[in-house]
């Protein structure tokens, strides 16, 4: 995982060696194997690899998947990887910033040791409307972020929306010593897989996030208090009963199914002028 920001891209031109500040290449064989196994790859898969580096993941993945799109921001690494990949027609090396790379239009999986500093930006790209063809993937994330994304309850409206479409599963811890040079913190493998039936469509993402942010502005409030500005008293009683939500239940404790049910109740019954604006 290497930090992809303009500052480091400028520094890169001034460094004579590859170990510029912010670059952390995965090198532990067991972690490499566990990451690939967590992706549950199939021979027919198209795999997007983010941060290919020297190719420690690229070539093992290419032994399993039908096609590998290896994205690498560093021009020297990309050039060296392209040369090594010549005997592998299933590997395409893309030199560029993943935040600016066009995602595949057809179903694809991801294997990635991503830069900690832009974790949210990468997940937003993959899990939002732009990543409509993304199916599943295995990611190495900073350990704190991995815990945040996989904990049972979240108060983050954007993460809540992502969970309406994807399941998050914590995997094996990855010690900082498994990278060269080591980062300041440990990491973990996180598996993300698209739900067969989304609870909220990606097209409704912005509106749902506004809905959740409105209700979670004070997470300790009860459902009756948190949603009273959206529903009339009769509508709220009906919506909560349908969602199996007690009026005195803390809004922070709502399950994914309860959130989805209340949101759909808003669309069906509440006046549009009362819908929270994003």
C-alpha atoms as a PDB file:
ATOM      1  CA  UNK A   1       0.000   0.000   0.000  1.00  0.00           C
ATOM      2  CA  UNK A   2       1.528   3.255  -1.133  1.00  0.00           C
ATOM      3  CA  UNK A   3       0.235   6.725  -0.572  1.00  0.00           C
ATOM      4  CA  UNK A   4      -1.047   8.169  -3.805  1.00  0.00           C
ATOM      5  CA  UNK A   5      -1.137  11.919  -3.338  1.00  0.00           C
ATOM      6  CA  UNK A   6       0.402  14.726  -5.285  1.00  0.00           C
ATOM      7  CA  UNK A   7       3.053  15.383  -2.671  1.00  0.00           C
ATOM      8  CA  UNK A   8       4.411  11.865  -2.865  1.00  0.00           C
ATOM      9  CA  UNK A   9       4.117  11.806  -6.622  1.00  0.00           C
ATOM     10  CA  UNK A  10       6.411  14.862  -6.701  1.00  0.00           C
ATOM     11  CA  UNK A  11       8.864  13.316  -4.224  1.00  0.00           C
ATOM     12  CA  UNK A  12       8.993  10.177  -6.347  1.00  0.00           C
ATOM     13  CA  UNK A  13      10.780  11.997  -9.150  1.00  0.00           C
ATOM     14  CA  UNK A  14      13.544  13.087  -6.764  1.00  0.00           C
ATOM     15  CA  UNK A  15      14.305   9.678  -5.269  1.00  0.00           C
ATOM     16  CA  UNK A  16      16.920   7.460  -6.829  1.00  0.00           C
ATOM     17  CA  UNK A  17      15.560   4.201  -5.364  1.00  0.00           C
ATOM     18  CA  UNK A  18      12.131   2.639  -5.177  1.00  0.00           C
ATOM     19  CA  UNK A  19      11.693   2.939  -1.385  1.00  0.00           C
ATOM     20  CA  UNK A  20      10.319   6.464  -1.334  1.00  0.00           C
ATOM     21  CA  UNK A  21       8.314   7.686   1.630  1.00  0.00           C
ATOM     22  CA  UNK A  22       4.905   6.042   2.017  1.00  0.00           C
ATOM     23  CA  UNK A  23       5.618   2.902  -0.010  1.00  0.00           C
ATOM     24  CA  UNK A  24       4.915  -0.388   1.778  1.00  0.00           C
ATOM     25  CA  UNK A  25       5.288  -3.484  -0.383  1.00  0.00           C
ATOM     26  CA  UNK A  26       3.789  -6.761   0.788  1.00  0.00           C
ATOM     27  CA  UNK A  27       6.396  -9.536   0.930  1.00  0.00           C
ATOM     28  CA  UNK A  28       5.238 -12.237   3.368  1.00  0.00           C
ATOM     29  CA  UNK A  29       4.350 -15.435   1.417  1.00  0.00           C
ATOM     30  CA  UNK A  30       1.690 -16.634   3.880  1.00  0.00           C
ATOM     31  CA  UNK A  31      -0.127 -13.288   3.825  1.00  0.00           C
ATOM     32  CA  UNK A  32       0.049 -13.191   0.039  1.00  0.00           C
ATOM     33  CA  UNK A  33      -1.520 -16.651  -0.101  1.00  0.00           C
ATOM     34  CA  UNK A  34      -4.216 -15.763   2.463  1.00  0.00           C
ATOM     35  CA  UNK A  35      -5.149 -12.589   0.608  1.00  0.00           C
ATOM     36  CA  UNK A  36      -5.565 -14.454  -2.683  1.00  0.00           C
ATOM     37  CA  UNK A  37      -7.549 -17.243  -1.010  1.00  0.00           C
ATOM     38  CA  UNK A  38      -9.844 -14.680   0.627  1.00  0.00           C
ATOM     39  CA  UNK A  39     -10.765 -13.342  -2.824  1.00  0.00           C
ATOM     40  CA  UNK A  40     -12.340 -16.713  -3.784  1.00  0.00           C
ATOM     41  CA  UNK A  41     -11.184 -16.337  -7.384  1.00  0.00           C
ATOM     42  CA  UNK A  42     -12.492 -18.409 -10.281  1.00  0.00           C
ATOM     43  CA  UNK A  43     -10.881 -19.237 -13.656  1.00  0.00           C
ATOM     44  CA  UNK A  44     -13.446 -17.067 -15.426  1.00  0.00           C
ATOM     45  CA  UNK A  45     -12.837 -13.986 -13.243  1.00  0.00           C
ATOM     46  CA  UNK A  46     -11.550 -10.630 -14.346  1.00  0.00           C
ATOM     47  CA  UNK A  47      -9.451  -9.338 -11.447  1.00  0.00           C
ATOM     48  CA  UNK A  48      -8.541  -5.727 -10.808  1.00  0.00           C
ATOM     49  CA  UNK A  49      -5.340  -5.537  -8.766  1.00  0.00           C
ATOM     50  CA  UNK A  50      -4.779  -2.181  -7.071  1.00  0.00           C
ATOM     51  CA  UNK A  51      -1.175  -1.254  -6.295  1.00  0.00           C
ATOM     52  CA  UNK A  52       0.593  -4.020  -8.183  1.00  0.00           C
ATOM     53  CA  UNK A  53       4.123  -2.954  -7.182  1.00  0.00           C
ATOM     54  CA  UNK A  54       6.613  -5.629  -8.185  1.00  0.00           C
ATOM     55  CA  UNK A  55       3.925  -8.192  -8.941  1.00  0.00           C
ATOM     56  CA  UNK A  56       3.957 -10.405  -5.833  1.00  0.00           C
ATOM     57  CA  UNK A  57       0.179 -10.716  -6.189  1.00  0.00           C
ATOM     58  CA  UNK A  58      -0.109 -10.220  -9.939  1.00  0.00           C
ATOM     59  CA  UNK A  59       1.427 -13.482 -11.096  1.00  0.00           C
ATOM     60  CA  UNK A  60      -0.148 -15.818  -8.502  1.00  0.00           C
ATOM     61  CA  UNK A  61      -3.534 -14.265  -9.293  1.00  0.00           C
ATOM     62  CA  UNK A  62      -2.906 -14.760 -13.016  1.00  0.00           C
ATOM     63  CA  UNK A  63      -2.400 -18.491 -12.368  1.00  0.00           C
ATOM     64  CA  UNK A  64      -6.036 -18.658 -11.187  1.00  0.00           C
ATOM     65  CA  UNK A  65      -8.047 -15.929 -12.910  1.00  0.00           C
ATOM     66  CA  UNK A  66      -8.804 -15.526 -16.588  1.00  0.00           C
ATOM     67  CA  UNK A  67      -7.757 -11.872 -16.764  1.00  0.00           C
ATOM     68  CA  UNK A  68      -5.752  -9.552 -14.514  1.00  0.00           C
ATOM     69  CA  UNK A  69      -5.778  -5.759 -14.738  1.00  0.00           C
ATOM     70  CA  UNK A  70      -2.769  -4.679 -12.664  1.00  0.00           C
ATOM     71  CA  UNK A  71      -2.939  -0.986 -11.743  1.00  0.00           C
ATOM     72  CA  UNK A  72       0.296   0.652 -10.583  1.00  0.00           C
ATOM     73  CA  UNK A  73       0.885   4.389 -10.143  1.00  0.00           C
ATOM     74  CA  UNK A  74       4.693   4.263 -10.185  1.00  0.00           C
ATOM     75  CA  UNK A  75       5.969   4.451 -13.759  1.00  0.00           C
ATOM     76  CA  UNK A  76       9.173   2.486 -13.046  1.00  0.00           C
ATOM     77  CA  UNK A  77       7.327  -0.339 -11.329  1.00  0.00           C
ATOM     78  CA  UNK A  78       4.714  -0.411 -14.078  1.00  0.00           C
ATOM     79  CA  UNK A  79       7.392  -0.601 -16.768  1.00  0.00           C
ATOM     80  CA  UNK A  80       9.243  -3.422 -14.994  1.00  0.00           C
ATOM     81  CA  UNK A  81       5.999  -5.294 -14.370  1.00  0.00           C
ATOM     82  CA  UNK A  82       4.942  -4.928 -17.988  1.00  0.00           C
ATOM     83  CA  UNK A  83       8.247  -6.477 -19.085  1.00  0.00           C
ATOM     84  CA  UNK A  84       7.882  -9.399 -16.653  1.00  0.00           C
ATOM     85  CA  UNK A  85       4.295  -9.965 -17.786  1.00  0.00           C
ATOM     86  CA  UNK A  86       5.106 -10.429 -21.480  1.00  0.00           C
ATOM     87  CA  UNK A  87       4.748 -14.241 -21.246  1.00  0.00           C
ATOM     88  CA  UNK A  88       1.347 -13.775 -19.585  1.00  0.00           C
ATOM     89  CA  UNK A  89      -1.257 -12.668 -22.157  1.00  0.00           C
ATOM     90  CA  UNK A  90      -3.929 -12.585 -19.427  1.00  0.00           C
ATOM     91  CA  UNK A  91      -2.129  -9.726 -17.603  1.00  0.00           C
ATOM     92  CA  UNK A  92      -2.642  -6.098 -18.582  1.00  0.00           C
ATOM     93  CA  UNK A  93      -0.563  -3.524 -16.708  1.00  0.00           C
ATOM     94  CA  UNK A  94      -2.162  -0.087 -16.304  1.00  0.00           C
ATOM     95  CA  UNK A  95       0.098   2.740 -15.167  1.00  0.00           C
ATOM     96  CA  UNK A  96      -2.033   5.298 -13.343  1.00  0.00           C
ATOM     97  CA  UNK A  97      -3.794   6.443 -10.201  1.00  0.00           C
ATOM     98  CA  UNK A  98      -6.633   4.044  -9.343  1.00  0.00           C
ATOM     99  CA  UNK A  99      -8.805   7.034  -8.460  1.00  0.00           C
ATOM    100  CA  UNK A 100      -8.606   8.108 -12.108  1.00  0.00           C
ATOM    101  CA  UNK A 101      -8.700   4.680 -13.775  1.00  0.00           C
ATOM    102  CA  UNK A 102     -11.961   3.637 -15.432  1.00  0.00           C
ATOM    103  CA  UNK A 103     -13.372   0.531 -13.790  1.00  0.00           C
ATOM    104  CA  UNK A 104     -14.356  -2.499 -15.894  1.00  0.00           C
ATOM    105  CA  UNK A 105     -17.877  -2.421 -17.266  1.00  0.00           C
ATOM    106  CA  UNK A 106     -18.277  -6.177 -16.904  1.00  0.00           C
ATOM    107  CA  UNK A 107     -18.288  -8.114 -13.598  1.00  0.00           C
ATOM    108  CA  UNK A 108     -14.912  -8.090 -11.860  1.00  0.00           C
ATOM    109  CA  UNK A 109     -13.231  -8.978  -8.589  1.00  0.00           C
ATOM    110  CA  UNK A 110     -10.492  -7.136  -6.711  1.00  0.00           C
ATOM    111  CA  UNK A 111      -7.294  -8.153  -4.957  1.00  0.00           C
ATOM    112  CA  UNK A 112      -5.579  -5.202  -3.355  1.00  0.00           C
ATOM    113  CA  UNK A 113      -2.932  -4.082  -0.911  1.00  0.00           C
ATOM    114  CA  UNK A 114      -4.266  -0.535  -1.009  1.00  0.00           C
ATOM    115  CA  UNK A 115      -2.740   2.726   0.258  1.00  0.00           C
ATOM    116  CA  UNK A 116      -4.006   3.415   3.768  1.00  0.00           C
ATOM    117  CA  UNK A 117      -4.230   7.148   3.090  1.00  0.00           C
ATOM    118  CA  UNK A 118      -6.843   6.777   0.339  1.00  0.00           C
ATOM    119  CA  UNK A 119      -8.773   3.751   1.594  1.00  0.00           C
ATOM    120  CA  UNK A 120     -12.078   5.628   1.709  1.00  0.00           C
ATOM    121  CA  UNK A 121     -11.627   7.092  -1.778  1.00  0.00           C
ATOM    122  CA  UNK A 122     -10.926   3.664  -3.262  1.00  0.00           C
ATOM    123  CA  UNK A 123     -13.872   2.015  -1.521  1.00  0.00           C
ATOM    124  CA  UNK A 124     -16.152   4.873  -2.557  1.00  0.00           C
ATOM    125  CA  UNK A 125     -15.146   4.239  -6.171  1.00  0.00           C
ATOM    126  CA  UNK A 126     -15.715   0.491  -5.934  1.00  0.00           C
ATOM    127  CA  UNK A 127     -18.813   0.414  -3.730  1.00  0.00           C
ATOM    128  CA  UNK A 128     -20.602   3.418  -5.190  1.00  0.00           C
ATOM    129  CA  UNK A 129     -22.417   3.736  -8.490  1.00  0.00           C
ATOM    130  CA  UNK A 130     -19.147   3.771 -10.466  1.00  0.00           C
ATOM    131  CA  UNK A 131     -18.380   0.236  -9.281  1.00  0.00           C
ATOM    132  CA  UNK A 132     -21.666  -1.275 -10.405  1.00  0.00           C
ATOM    133  CA  UNK A 133     -19.783  -4.264 -11.922  1.00  0.00           C
ATOM    134  CA  UNK A 134     -17.672  -4.948  -8.800  1.00  0.00           C
ATOM    135  CA  UNK A 135     -18.652  -8.331  -7.330  1.00  0.00           C
ATOM    136  CA  UNK A 136     -16.248  -9.236  -4.550  1.00  0.00           C
ATOM    137  CA  UNK A 137     -12.718  -8.702  -3.360  1.00  0.00           C
ATOM    138  CA  UNK A 138     -10.037  -9.148  -0.722  1.00  0.00           C
ATOM    139  CA  UNK A 139      -8.289  -6.061   0.604  1.00  0.00           C
ATOM    140  CA  UNK A 140      -5.463  -5.313   3.008  1.00  0.00           C
ATOM    141  CA  UNK A 141      -6.564  -2.356   5.121  1.00  0.00           C
ATOM    142  CA  UNK A 142      -5.110  -0.534   8.096  1.00  0.00           C
ATOM    143  CA  UNK A 143      -6.233  -2.525  11.139  1.00  0.00           C
ATOM    144  CA  UNK A 144      -8.292   0.284  12.657  1.00  0.00           C
ATOM    145  CA  UNK A 145     -10.132   0.831   9.382  1.00  0.00           C
ATOM    146  CA  UNK A 146     -10.701  -2.917   9.042  1.00  0.00           C
ATOM    147  CA  UNK A 147     -12.357  -3.000  12.468  1.00  0.00           C
ATOM    148  CA  UNK A 148     -14.470   0.039  11.640  1.00  0.00           C
ATOM    149  CA  UNK A 149     -15.732  -1.423   8.364  1.00  0.00           C
ATOM    150  CA  UNK A 150     -16.581  -4.834   9.859  1.00  0.00           C
ATOM    151  CA  UNK A 151     -18.003  -3.991  13.299  1.00  0.00           C
ATOM    152  CA  UNK A 152     -21.662  -5.066  13.762  1.00  0.00           C
ATOM    153  CA  UNK A 153     -23.096  -1.554  14.137  1.00  0.00           C
ATOM    154  CA  UNK A 154     -22.009   1.647  12.423  1.00  0.00           C
ATOM    155  CA  UNK A 155     -22.977   5.293  12.887  1.00  0.00           C
ATOM    156  CA  UNK A 156     -21.401   6.292   9.566  1.00  0.00           C
ATOM    157  CA  UNK A 157     -24.183   6.964   7.008  1.00  0.00           C
ATOM    158  CA  UNK A 158     -21.909   6.267   4.024  1.00  0.00           C
ATOM    159  CA  UNK A 159     -20.692   2.948   5.438  1.00  0.00           C
ATOM    160  CA  UNK A 160     -24.296   2.111   6.274  1.00  0.00           C
ATOM    161  CA  UNK A 161     -25.203   2.627   2.611  1.00  0.00           C
ATOM    162  CA  UNK A 162     -22.299   0.448   1.473  1.00  0.00           C
ATOM    163  CA  UNK A 163     -23.586  -2.313   3.738  1.00  0.00           C
ATOM    164  CA  UNK A 164     -26.941  -2.156   2.019  1.00  0.00           C
ATOM    165  CA  UNK A 165     -25.210  -3.556  -1.063  1.00  0.00           C
ATOM    166  CA  UNK A 166     -22.181  -5.418   0.311  1.00  0.00           C
ATOM    167  CA  UNK A 167     -21.172  -7.706   3.134  1.00  0.00           C
ATOM    168  CA  UNK A 168     -17.913  -6.972   5.004  1.00  0.00           C
ATOM    169  CA  UNK A 169     -15.938  -9.737   6.730  1.00  0.00           C
ATOM    170  CA  UNK A 170     -12.812  -9.368   8.851  1.00  0.00           C
ATOM    171  CA  UNK A 171     -10.038 -11.782   7.961  1.00  0.00           C
ATOM    172  CA  UNK A 172      -6.509 -12.472   9.157  1.00  0.00           C
ATOM    173  CA  UNK A 173      -4.450  -9.817  10.933  1.00  0.00           C
ATOM    174  CA  UNK A 174      -1.355  -8.686   9.016  1.00  0.00           C
ATOM    175  CA  UNK A 175       1.629  -7.566  11.122  1.00  0.00           C
ATOM    176  CA  UNK A 176       3.436  -4.429   9.992  1.00  0.00           C
ATOM    177  CA  UNK A 177       6.583  -6.537   9.547  1.00  0.00           C
ATOM    178  CA  UNK A 178       4.972  -8.230   6.538  1.00  0.00           C
ATOM    179  CA  UNK A 179       5.659  -5.066   4.508  1.00  0.00           C
ATOM    180  CA  UNK A 180       8.869  -3.434   3.353  1.00  0.00           C
ATOM    181  CA  UNK A 181       9.422  -0.882   4.657  1.00  0.00           C
ATOM    182  CA  UNK A 182       6.928  -1.535   7.488  1.00  0.00           C
ATOM    183  CA  UNK A 183       4.126   0.992   8.029  1.00  0.00           C
ATOM    184  CA  UNK A 184       3.506   2.511  11.471  1.00  0.00           C
ATOM    185  CA  UNK A 185       0.488   0.279  12.145  1.00  0.00           C
ATOM    186  CA  UNK A 186      -0.614  -3.313  11.614  1.00  0.00           C
ATOM    187  CA  UNK A 187      -3.143  -4.258   8.958  1.00  0.00           C
ATOM    188  CA  UNK A 188      -5.815  -6.859   8.310  1.00  0.00           C
ATOM    189  CA  UNK A 189      -7.430  -8.665   5.410  1.00  0.00           C
ATOM    190  CA  UNK A 190     -11.041  -7.670   4.759  1.00  0.00           C
ATOM    191  CA  UNK A 191     -13.320  -9.516   2.368  1.00  0.00           C
ATOM    192  CA  UNK A 192     -16.101  -7.579   0.642  1.00  0.00           C
ATOM    193  CA  UNK A 193     -18.828  -9.297  -1.371  1.00  0.00           C
ATOM    194  CA  UNK A 194     -21.870  -7.927  -3.158  1.00  0.00           C
ATOM    195  CA  UNK A 195     -25.223  -8.983  -1.728  1.00  0.00           C
ATOM    196  CA  UNK A 196     -27.330 -11.137  -4.077  1.00  0.00           C
ATOM    197  CA  UNK A 197     -30.275  -8.833  -3.307  1.00  0.00           C
ATOM    198  CA  UNK A 198     -29.365  -5.275  -2.260  1.00  0.00           C
ATOM    199  CA  UNK A 199     -31.374  -3.732   0.560  1.00  0.00           C
ATOM    200  CA  UNK A 200     -31.137  -0.277  -1.062  1.00  0.00           C
ATOM    201  CA  UNK A 201     -30.262   0.259  -4.721  1.00  0.00           C
ATOM    202  CA  UNK A 202     -27.049   2.122  -5.527  1.00  0.00           C
ATOM    203  CA  UNK A 203     -29.138   4.714  -7.378  1.00  0.00           C
ATOM    204  CA  UNK A 204     -30.747   5.625  -4.045  1.00  0.00           C
ATOM    205  CA  UNK A 205     -27.366   6.026  -2.337  1.00  0.00           C
ATOM    206  CA  UNK A 206     -27.287   9.797  -1.965  1.00  0.00           C
ATOM    207  CA  UNK A 207     -30.883   9.992  -0.712  1.00  0.00           C
ATOM    208  CA  UNK A 208     -30.400   7.131   1.755  1.00  0.00           C
ATOM    209  CA  UNK A 209     -27.201   8.683   3.145  1.00  0.00           C
ATOM    210  CA  UNK A 210     -29.101  11.921   3.762  1.00  0.00           C
ATOM    211  CA  UNK A 211     -31.873   9.942   5.479  1.00  0.00           C
ATOM    212  CA  UNK A 212     -29.405   8.075   7.721  1.00  0.00           C
ATOM    213  CA  UNK A 213     -27.383  11.202   8.503  1.00  0.00           C
ATOM    214  CA  UNK A 214     -30.548  13.004   9.588  1.00  0.00           C
ATOM    215  CA  UNK A 215     -31.553  10.213  11.965  1.00  0.00           C
ATOM    216  CA  UNK A 216     -28.020   9.652  13.276  1.00  0.00           C
ATOM    217  CA  UNK A 217     -27.298  13.308  14.029  1.00  0.00           C
ATOM    218  CA  UNK A 218     -27.950  12.308  17.648  1.00  0.00           C
ATOM    219  CA  UNK A 219     -27.441   8.517  17.768  1.00  0.00           C
ATOM    220  CA  UNK A 220     -28.853   8.079  21.284  1.00  0.00           C
ATOM    221  CA  UNK A 221     -32.265   9.418  20.306  1.00  0.00           C
ATOM    222  CA  UNK A 222     -35.183   7.039  20.142  1.00  0.00           C
ATOM    223  CA  UNK A 223     -36.722   6.120  16.822  1.00  0.00           C
ATOM    224  CA  UNK A 224     -39.836   8.120  17.674  1.00  0.00           C
ATOM    225  CA  UNK A 225     -37.720  11.232  18.174  1.00  0.00           C
ATOM    226  CA  UNK A 226     -35.178  10.678  15.373  1.00  0.00           C
ATOM    227  CA  UNK A 227     -37.774  10.247  12.611  1.00  0.00           C
ATOM    228  CA  UNK A 228     -40.552  12.560  13.768  1.00  0.00           C
ATOM    229  CA  UNK A 229     -39.458  15.273  11.340  1.00  0.00           C
ATOM    230  CA  UNK A 230     -39.892  12.877   8.407  1.00  0.00           C
ATOM    231  CA  UNK A 231     -43.093  10.999   9.244  1.00  0.00           C
ATOM    232  CA  UNK A 232     -46.397  12.110  10.689  1.00  0.00           C
ATOM    233  CA  UNK A 233     -47.217  10.348  13.993  1.00  0.00           C
ATOM    234  CA  UNK A 234     -49.507   7.856  12.242  1.00  0.00           C
ATOM    235  CA  UNK A 235     -46.960   7.213   9.486  1.00  0.00           C
ATOM    236  CA  UNK A 236     -44.177   6.723  12.029  1.00  0.00           C
ATOM    237  CA  UNK A 237     -46.187   4.244  14.053  1.00  0.00           C
ATOM    238  CA  UNK A 238     -46.999   2.252  10.919  1.00  0.00           C
ATOM    239  CA  UNK A 239     -43.424   2.405   9.584  1.00  0.00           C
ATOM    240  CA  UNK A 240     -41.901   1.273  12.888  1.00  0.00           C
ATOM    241  CA  UNK A 241     -44.390  -1.559  13.256  1.00  0.00           C
ATOM    242  CA  UNK A 242     -43.621  -2.782   9.734  1.00  0.00           C
ATOM    243  CA  UNK A 243     -39.851  -2.531  10.377  1.00  0.00           C
ATOM    244  CA  UNK A 244     -40.210  -4.242  13.784  1.00  0.00           C
ATOM    245  CA  UNK A 245     -38.733  -1.179  15.450  1.00  0.00           C
ATOM    246  CA  UNK A 246     -39.858  -0.184  18.927  1.00  0.00           C
ATOM    247  CA  UNK A 247     -40.643   3.529  19.165  1.00  0.00           C
ATOM    248  CA  UNK A 248     -38.339   3.782  22.183  1.00  0.00           C
ATOM    249  CA  UNK A 249     -35.492   1.904  20.452  1.00  0.00           C
ATOM    250  CA  UNK A 250     -32.259   3.874  20.103  1.00  0.00           C
ATOM    251  CA  UNK A 251     -31.698   4.762  16.474  1.00  0.00           C
ATOM    252  CA  UNK A 252     -28.035   3.726  16.787  1.00  0.00           C
ATOM    253  CA  UNK A 253     -29.128   0.126  17.385  1.00  0.00           C
ATOM    254  CA  UNK A 254     -31.160  -0.301  14.192  1.00  0.00           C
ATOM    255  CA  UNK A 255     -30.286  -3.316  12.067  1.00  0.00           C
ATOM    256  CA  UNK A 256     -29.656  -3.105   8.330  1.00  0.00           C
ATOM    257  CA  UNK A 257     -33.078  -4.572   7.598  1.00  0.00           C
ATOM    258  CA  UNK A 258     -34.731  -2.033   9.898  1.00  0.00           C
ATOM    259  CA  UNK A 259     -32.923   0.874   8.237  1.00  0.00           C
ATOM    260  CA  UNK A 260     -33.965  -0.363   4.798  1.00  0.00           C
ATOM    261  CA  UNK A 261     -37.585  -0.846   5.844  1.00  0.00           C
ATOM    262  CA  UNK A 262     -37.834   2.641   7.359  1.00  0.00           C
ATOM    263  CA  UNK A 263     -36.231   4.207   4.292  1.00  0.00           C
ATOM    264  CA  UNK A 264     -38.668   2.505   1.928  1.00  0.00           C
ATOM    265  CA  UNK A 265     -41.525   3.569   4.197  1.00  0.00           C
ATOM    266  CA  UNK A 266     -40.362   7.162   3.814  1.00  0.00           C
ATOM    267  CA  UNK A 267     -40.435   6.863   0.015  1.00  0.00           C
ATOM    268  CA  UNK A 268     -43.918   5.330   0.072  1.00  0.00           C
ATOM    269  CA  UNK A 269     -45.659   7.384   2.714  1.00  0.00           C
ATOM    270  CA  UNK A 270     -43.828  10.563   3.722  1.00  0.00           C
ATOM    271  CA  UNK A 271     -44.324  13.797   1.790  1.00  0.00           C
ATOM    272  CA  UNK A 272     -41.240  14.481  -0.379  1.00  0.00           C
ATOM    273  CA  UNK A 273     -40.766  17.933   1.115  1.00  0.00           C
ATOM    274  CA  UNK A 274     -40.077  16.182   4.448  1.00  0.00           C
ATOM    275  CA  UNK A 275     -37.342  13.950   3.043  1.00  0.00           C
ATOM    276  CA  UNK A 276     -33.876  14.934   4.340  1.00  0.00           C
ATOM    277  CA  UNK A 277     -31.756  16.676   1.737  1.00  0.00           C
ATOM    278  CA  UNK A 278     -28.181  15.593   1.068  1.00  0.00           C
END
